[in-house]
Amino acid sequence: MKTCCGLLILMPLIAACTTLQGLDNPTALQRADAEQVEVLHVAPARPYKSLGTVKGSGCLKSTFDINIPEADALHEMKLQAATRSADAIMNTACRNVTIDWFTNCFNLIECTGEAIRFLDK
């Protein structure tokens, strides 16, 4: 009974951790595809099709960490968009979640955007 209760408590925690990590170990091809995804700051003049929302997060583990959390979040979004064969991401918005003790982040940034595929390719 104790084992069953322990598992019921741990399962949501494990699921939350895997949700925040996104694509853990992208292949070289996935990374190359992600590099081709543009981040647009204005709506494109070209016709496009929406492929849905993509999300990413970036974490600053300590005040001494030199990583830029927003860049990590945008990279994660580009990886997700690439798995949907998107050409670009638009309508990006990032928010600072500040300290998140659950994920051991001194500064957590969460970003969302809309993955799109251009129709005139």
Protein backbone atom coordinates (compact mmCIF):
# COMPACT_ATOMS: atom_id res chain seq x y z
CA MET A 1 0.00 0.00 0.00
CA LYS A 2 2.84 2.39 0.86
CA THR A 3 4.51 1.68 -2.48
CA CYS A 4 1.29 2.40 -4.35
CA CYS A 5 0.79 5.71 -2.52
CA GLY A 6 4.41 6.65 -3.12
CA LEU A 7 4.01 6.03 -6.83
CA LEU A 8 0.84 8.10 -6.96
CA ILE A 9 2.71 11.00 -5.38
CA LEU A 10 5.80 10.69 -7.59
CA MET A 11 4.07 10.29 -10.95
CA PRO A 12 2.88 13.93 -11.27
CA LEU A 13 6.32 15.15 -10.22
CA ILE A 14 8.03 13.02 -12.84
CA ALA A 15 5.54 14.12 -15.49
CA ALA A 16 6.12 17.79 -14.64
CA CYS A 17 9.88 17.39 -14.96
CA THR A 18 9.65 15.75 -18.36
CA THR A 19 7.20 18.40 -19.58
CA LEU A 20 9.65 21.21 -18.79
CA GLN A 21 12.56 19.50 -20.51
CA GLY A 22 10.95 19.24 -23.95
CA LEU A 23 13.17 17.53 -26.53
CA ASP A 24 15.98 16.25 -24.31
CA ASN A 25 18.43 14.86 -26.82
CA PRO A 26 17.70 16.19 -30.30
CA THR A 27 19.46 14.48 -33.16
CA ALA A 28 21.84 16.37 -35.44
CA LEU A 29 19.10 16.47 -38.09
CA GLN A 30 16.58 17.92 -35.61
CA ARG A 31 19.08 20.57 -34.53
CA ALA A 32 19.81 21.44 -38.18
CA ASP A 33 16.08 21.69 -38.94
CA ALA A 34 15.58 23.92 -35.88
CA GLU A 35 18.29 26.31 -37.10
CA GLN A 36 16.26 26.85 -40.29
CA VAL A 37 13.16 27.96 -38.35
CA GLU A 38 12.86 31.76 -38.32
CA VAL A 39 11.53 33.77 -35.39
CA LEU A 40 9.38 36.53 -36.87
CA HIS A 41 8.74 39.76 -34.99
CA VAL A 42 5.99 40.93 -37.36
CA ALA A 43 3.29 39.03 -39.23
CA PRO A 44 4.58 37.76 -42.59
CA ALA A 45 3.28 39.20 -45.86
CA ARG A 46 3.47 35.70 -47.38
CA PRO A 47 0.54 33.28 -47.10
CA TYR A 48 0.97 30.76 -44.29
CA LYS A 49 -0.74 27.97 -42.42
CA SER A 50 -0.75 27.79 -38.62
CA LEU A 51 0.62 24.56 -37.17
CA GLY A 52 -0.33 25.34 -33.58
CA THR A 53 1.31 26.65 -30.46
CA VAL A 54 4.85 25.80 -29.45
CA LYS A 55 6.27 26.36 -25.98
CA GLY A 56 9.71 26.54 -24.49
CA SER A 57 11.37 27.33 -21.21
CA GLY A 58 14.80 28.46 -20.16
CA CYS A 59 16.34 28.23 -16.74
CA LEU A 60 19.04 30.18 -14.97
CA LYS A 61 20.28 27.73 -12.32
CA SER A 62 22.15 30.32 -10.25
CA THR A 63 23.28 33.93 -10.31
CA PHE A 64 26.64 32.68 -11.62
CA ASP A 65 25.06 30.88 -14.61
CA ILE A 66 26.01 32.55 -17.91
CA ASN A 67 23.24 31.00 -20.03
CA ILE A 68 20.51 33.31 -21.26
CA PRO A 69 17.21 31.62 -20.36
CA GLU A 70 15.21 33.34 -23.14
CA ALA A 71 17.61 32.03 -25.80
CA ASP A 72 17.17 28.51 -24.42
CA ALA A 73 13.38 28.89 -24.47
CA LEU A 74 13.41 30.14 -28.08
CA HIS A 75 15.70 27.27 -29.10
CA GLU A 76 13.29 24.77 -27.51
CA MET A 77 10.40 26.40 -29.40
CA LYS A 78 12.35 26.15 -32.67
CA LEU A 79 12.98 22.44 -32.01
CA GLN A 80 9.26 21.86 -31.45
CA ALA A 81 8.38 23.85 -34.56
CA ALA A 82 10.89 21.87 -36.62
CA THR A 83 9.24 18.59 -35.57
CA ARG A 84 6.04 19.99 -37.14
CA SER A 85 7.88 20.97 -40.35
CA ALA A 86 7.37 24.66 -39.62
CA ASP A 87 9.21 27.40 -41.46
CA ALA A 88 8.85 30.05 -38.77
CA ILE A 89 7.47 31.01 -35.38
CA MET A 90 5.44 34.19 -34.92
CA ASN A 91 3.55 35.93 -32.13
CA THR A 92 6.19 34.96 -29.59
CA ALA A 93 5.69 36.03 -26.01
CA CYS A 94 7.93 35.32 -23.06
CA ARG A 95 7.25 35.78 -19.39
CA ASN A 96 9.58 35.73 -16.46
CA VAL A 97 8.47 33.29 -13.79
CA THR A 98 11.33 34.39 -11.48
CA ILE A 99 12.32 31.83 -8.86
CA ASP A 100 10.84 28.38 -9.36
CA TRP A 101 11.90 26.11 -6.50
CA PHE A 102 10.13 23.10 -8.05
CA THR A 103 12.48 23.10 -11.07
CA ASN A 104 15.50 24.47 -9.15
CA CYS A 105 15.57 27.63 -11.28
CA PHE A 106 16.80 30.97 -10.03
CA ASN A 107 15.16 32.61 -13.05
CA LEU A 108 12.69 30.73 -15.25
CA ILE A 109 11.53 32.13 -18.60
CA GLU A 110 8.54 30.58 -20.37
CA CYS A 111 7.86 31.43 -24.02
CA THR A 112 5.04 30.58 -26.40
CA GLY A 113 4.56 31.20 -30.09
CA GLU A 114 2.70 30.06 -33.17
CA ALA A 115 4.46 27.67 -35.54
CA ILE A 116 3.68 28.39 -39.20
CA ARG A 117 4.44 26.90 -42.62
CA PHE A 118 4.64 29.14 -45.66
CA LEU A 119 2.28 28.14 -48.48
CA ASP A 120 4.22 29.73 -51.35
CA LYS A 121 7.34 27.58 -51.17
